[in-house]
Amino acid sequence: MSGLTAAAVTVCSAMVLIGALQWVAPAGAMEKPVKTLLGVVFLTVAIGTLLPAIGKIEPDFRFASPTAAKTEELDAASARYIAMALLQNAGINFSEITVCTDKSDDGSIHITKITIFSDCEEETIRSALRAIAGNDEVVIIHESNHRENDRDHQIP
């Protein structure tokens, strides 16, 4: 922006100087050629000053990019949605599902851990999720045990 400011100062200074020269210019037959010459000088100064300044102007458009945390949340939500769809397609009832993900160097999503609260058989759940997660990555918490533990930890 300082290039544009310098150009504006130069053009304004040229206008003041040319205005002063026109004021003291002779009248009569020489008046028209002097005004034409001063007009050409002004155009030369204006164009010569503004062209380099225009070349230095760089539009600065900044767009908000998603942060790493938002990207990780989207990855986990996508993996959770896929796991939920697989469980629902297999007819497995569950009350809660949490998915932990990690992003590979190539940009693919890797599921590190799936925790499922369900009352269904463990092998049925594992077979339904085998397409997206290995057996080591699936943790199944039976709801009947989970509810009893919640009652044990409640404050009377």
Protein backbone atom coordinates (compact mmCIF):
# COMPACT_ATOMS: atom_id res chain seq x y z
CA MET A 1 0.00 0.00 0.00
CA SER A 2 2.97 2.36 0.47
CA GLY A 3 3.61 2.23 -3.31
CA LEU A 4 0.10 3.51 -3.94
CA THR A 5 0.57 6.28 -1.37
CA ALA A 6 3.86 7.35 -2.98
CA ALA A 7 2.18 7.39 -6.41
CA ALA A 8 -0.67 9.56 -5.09
CA VAL A 9 1.79 12.02 -3.54
CA THR A 10 3.75 12.22 -6.81
CA VAL A 11 0.62 12.83 -8.93
CA CYS A 12 -0.64 15.50 -6.51
CA SER A 13 2.75 17.23 -6.51
CA ALA A 14 2.77 17.18 -10.32
CA MET A 15 -0.71 18.73 -10.36
CA VAL A 16 0.35 21.55 -8.06
CA LEU A 17 3.54 22.23 -10.05
CA ILE A 18 1.74 22.17 -13.42
CA GLY A 19 -1.02 24.40 -12.04
CA ALA A 20 1.61 26.93 -10.92
CA LEU A 21 3.33 26.78 -14.33
CA GLN A 22 0.00 27.38 -16.11
CA TRP A 23 -0.64 30.38 -13.91
CA VAL A 24 2.64 32.01 -14.90
CA ALA A 25 2.50 30.83 -18.55
CA PRO A 26 2.31 33.55 -21.19
CA ALA A 27 -1.10 34.50 -22.60
CA GLY A 28 -1.92 34.96 -26.24
CA ALA A 29 -0.59 32.83 -29.09
CA MET A 30 1.66 30.67 -26.84
CA GLU A 31 -1.06 29.89 -24.31
CA LYS A 32 -2.53 26.87 -26.16
CA PRO A 33 0.82 25.11 -26.96
CA VAL A 34 2.04 25.64 -23.35
CA LYS A 35 -1.18 24.16 -21.90
CA THR A 36 -0.88 21.20 -24.30
CA LEU A 37 2.75 20.66 -23.32
CA LEU A 38 1.93 20.85 -19.59
CA GLY A 39 -0.98 18.41 -20.14
CA VAL A 40 1.38 15.94 -21.86
CA VAL A 41 3.88 16.34 -19.00
CA PHE A 42 1.12 15.67 -16.47
CA LEU A 43 -0.08 12.55 -18.32
CA THR A 44 3.50 11.27 -18.53
CA VAL A 45 4.05 11.80 -14.81
CA ALA A 46 0.69 10.23 -13.91
CA ILE A 47 1.11 7.16 -16.12
CA GLY A 48 4.80 6.73 -15.23
CA THR A 49 3.97 6.87 -11.54
CA LEU A 50 0.79 4.82 -11.45
CA LEU A 51 1.87 1.88 -13.64
CA PRO A 52 4.61 0.61 -11.30
CA ALA A 53 2.35 1.24 -8.29
CA ILE A 54 -0.47 -0.76 -9.88
CA GLY A 55 1.96 -3.61 -10.54
CA LYS A 56 2.85 -3.73 -6.84
CA ILE A 57 -0.74 -4.02 -5.68
CA GLU A 58 -1.45 -7.59 -4.68
CA PRO A 59 -4.97 -8.46 -3.65
CA ASP A 60 -4.97 -10.24 -0.32
CA PHE A 61 -7.82 -12.70 -0.08
CA ARG A 62 -7.74 -14.81 3.04
CA PHE A 63 -10.10 -17.69 3.38
CA ALA A 64 -10.58 -19.51 6.64
CA SER A 65 -9.14 -22.98 6.44
CA PRO A 66 -10.28 -25.79 8.70
CA THR A 67 -8.06 -26.36 11.65
CA ALA A 68 -6.55 -29.72 12.46
CA ALA A 69 -9.01 -30.18 15.35
CA LYS A 70 -12.02 -29.65 13.08
CA THR A 71 -10.58 -32.06 10.52
CA GLU A 72 -10.03 -34.69 13.20
CA GLU A 73 -13.60 -34.20 14.44
CA LEU A 74 -14.94 -34.66 10.91
CA ASP A 75 -12.82 -37.79 10.43
CA ALA A 76 -14.10 -39.28 13.70
CA ALA A 77 -17.70 -38.36 12.84
CA SER A 78 -17.37 -40.02 9.42
CA ALA A 79 -15.92 -43.18 10.93
CA ARG A 80 -18.63 -43.18 13.62
CA TYR A 81 -21.34 -42.84 10.98
CA ILE A 82 -19.94 -45.77 8.99
CA ALA A 83 -19.72 -47.94 12.11
CA MET A 84 -23.29 -47.03 13.08
CA ALA A 85 -24.54 -47.89 9.58
CA LEU A 86 -22.75 -51.27 9.65
CA LEU A 87 -24.22 -52.10 13.06
CA GLN A 88 -27.73 -51.04 12.04
CA ASN A 89 -27.53 -53.03 8.80
CA ALA A 90 -26.54 -56.10 10.83
CA GLY A 91 -29.54 -55.54 13.14
CA ILE A 92 -27.39 -54.90 16.21
CA ASN A 93 -28.86 -52.75 18.96
CA PHE A 94 -26.52 -50.31 20.64
CA SER A 95 -26.97 -47.28 22.83
CA GLU A 96 -23.66 -45.52 22.35
CA ILE A 97 -20.65 -45.72 20.07
CA THR A 98 -17.36 -43.83 20.20
CA VAL A 99 -14.70 -43.93 17.51
CA CYS A 100 -11.05 -42.86 17.75
CA THR A 101 -9.29 -42.17 14.45
CA ASP A 102 -5.86 -41.33 13.14
CA LYS A 103 -4.98 -39.84 9.77
CA SER A 104 -2.29 -41.55 7.68
CA ASP A 105 0.38 -39.73 5.70
CA ASP A 106 -1.53 -40.41 2.49
CA GLY A 107 -4.66 -38.72 3.93
CA SER A 108 -6.67 -41.85 4.64
CA ILE A 109 -8.48 -42.33 7.93
CA HIS A 110 -7.39 -45.20 10.18
CA ILE A 111 -9.68 -46.32 13.01
CA THR A 112 -7.64 -46.91 16.15
CA LYS A 113 -10.45 -47.85 18.55
CA ILE A 114 -14.22 -48.36 18.53
CA THR A 115 -16.12 -48.56 21.81
CA ILE A 116 -19.67 -49.89 21.63
CA PHE A 117 -22.30 -50.11 24.37
CA SER A 118 -24.58 -52.96 23.37
CA ASP A 119 -26.40 -55.97 24.73
CA CYS A 120 -25.69 -58.11 21.62
CA GLU A 121 -23.19 -60.94 21.30
CA GLU A 122 -19.58 -59.88 21.07
CA GLU A 123 -18.78 -62.04 18.02
CA THR A 124 -21.80 -60.67 16.12
CA ILE A 125 -20.62 -57.11 16.68
CA ARG A 126 -17.03 -57.94 15.74
CA SER A 127 -18.11 -59.66 12.51
CA ALA A 128 -20.29 -56.66 11.56
CA LEU A 129 -17.36 -54.26 12.03
CA ARG A 130 -14.67 -56.51 10.54
CA ALA A 131 -14.78 -54.49 7.28
CA ILE A 132 -13.58 -51.29 8.97
CA ALA A 133 -11.76 -52.46 12.11
CA GLY A 134 -9.74 -55.40 13.33
CA ASN A 135 -10.61 -57.37 16.46
CA ASP A 136 -8.01 -55.47 18.50
CA GLU A 137 -9.67 -52.13 17.72
CA VAL A 138 -13.18 -53.03 18.92
CA VAL A 139 -14.09 -52.71 22.61
CA ILE A 140 -17.55 -53.95 23.54
CA ILE A 141 -19.17 -52.98 26.80
CA HIS A 142 -22.32 -54.93 27.57
CA GLU A 143 -25.10 -52.57 28.57
CA SER A 144 -26.35 -54.76 31.41
CA ASN A 145 -22.89 -54.62 33.05
CA HIS A 146 -22.57 -50.91 32.27
CA ARG A 147 -25.93 -50.09 33.88
CA GLU A 148 -25.06 -52.08 37.03
CA ASN A 149 -21.71 -50.25 37.30
CA ASP A 150 -23.49 -46.92 36.91
CA ARG A 151 -25.86 -47.81 39.75
CA ASP A 152 -22.90 -48.82 41.97
CA HIS A 153 -21.21 -45.45 41.36
CA GLN A 154 -24.27 -43.27 41.95
CA ILE A 155 -24.31 -41.10 45.05
CA PRO A 156 -27.35 -41.85 47.24
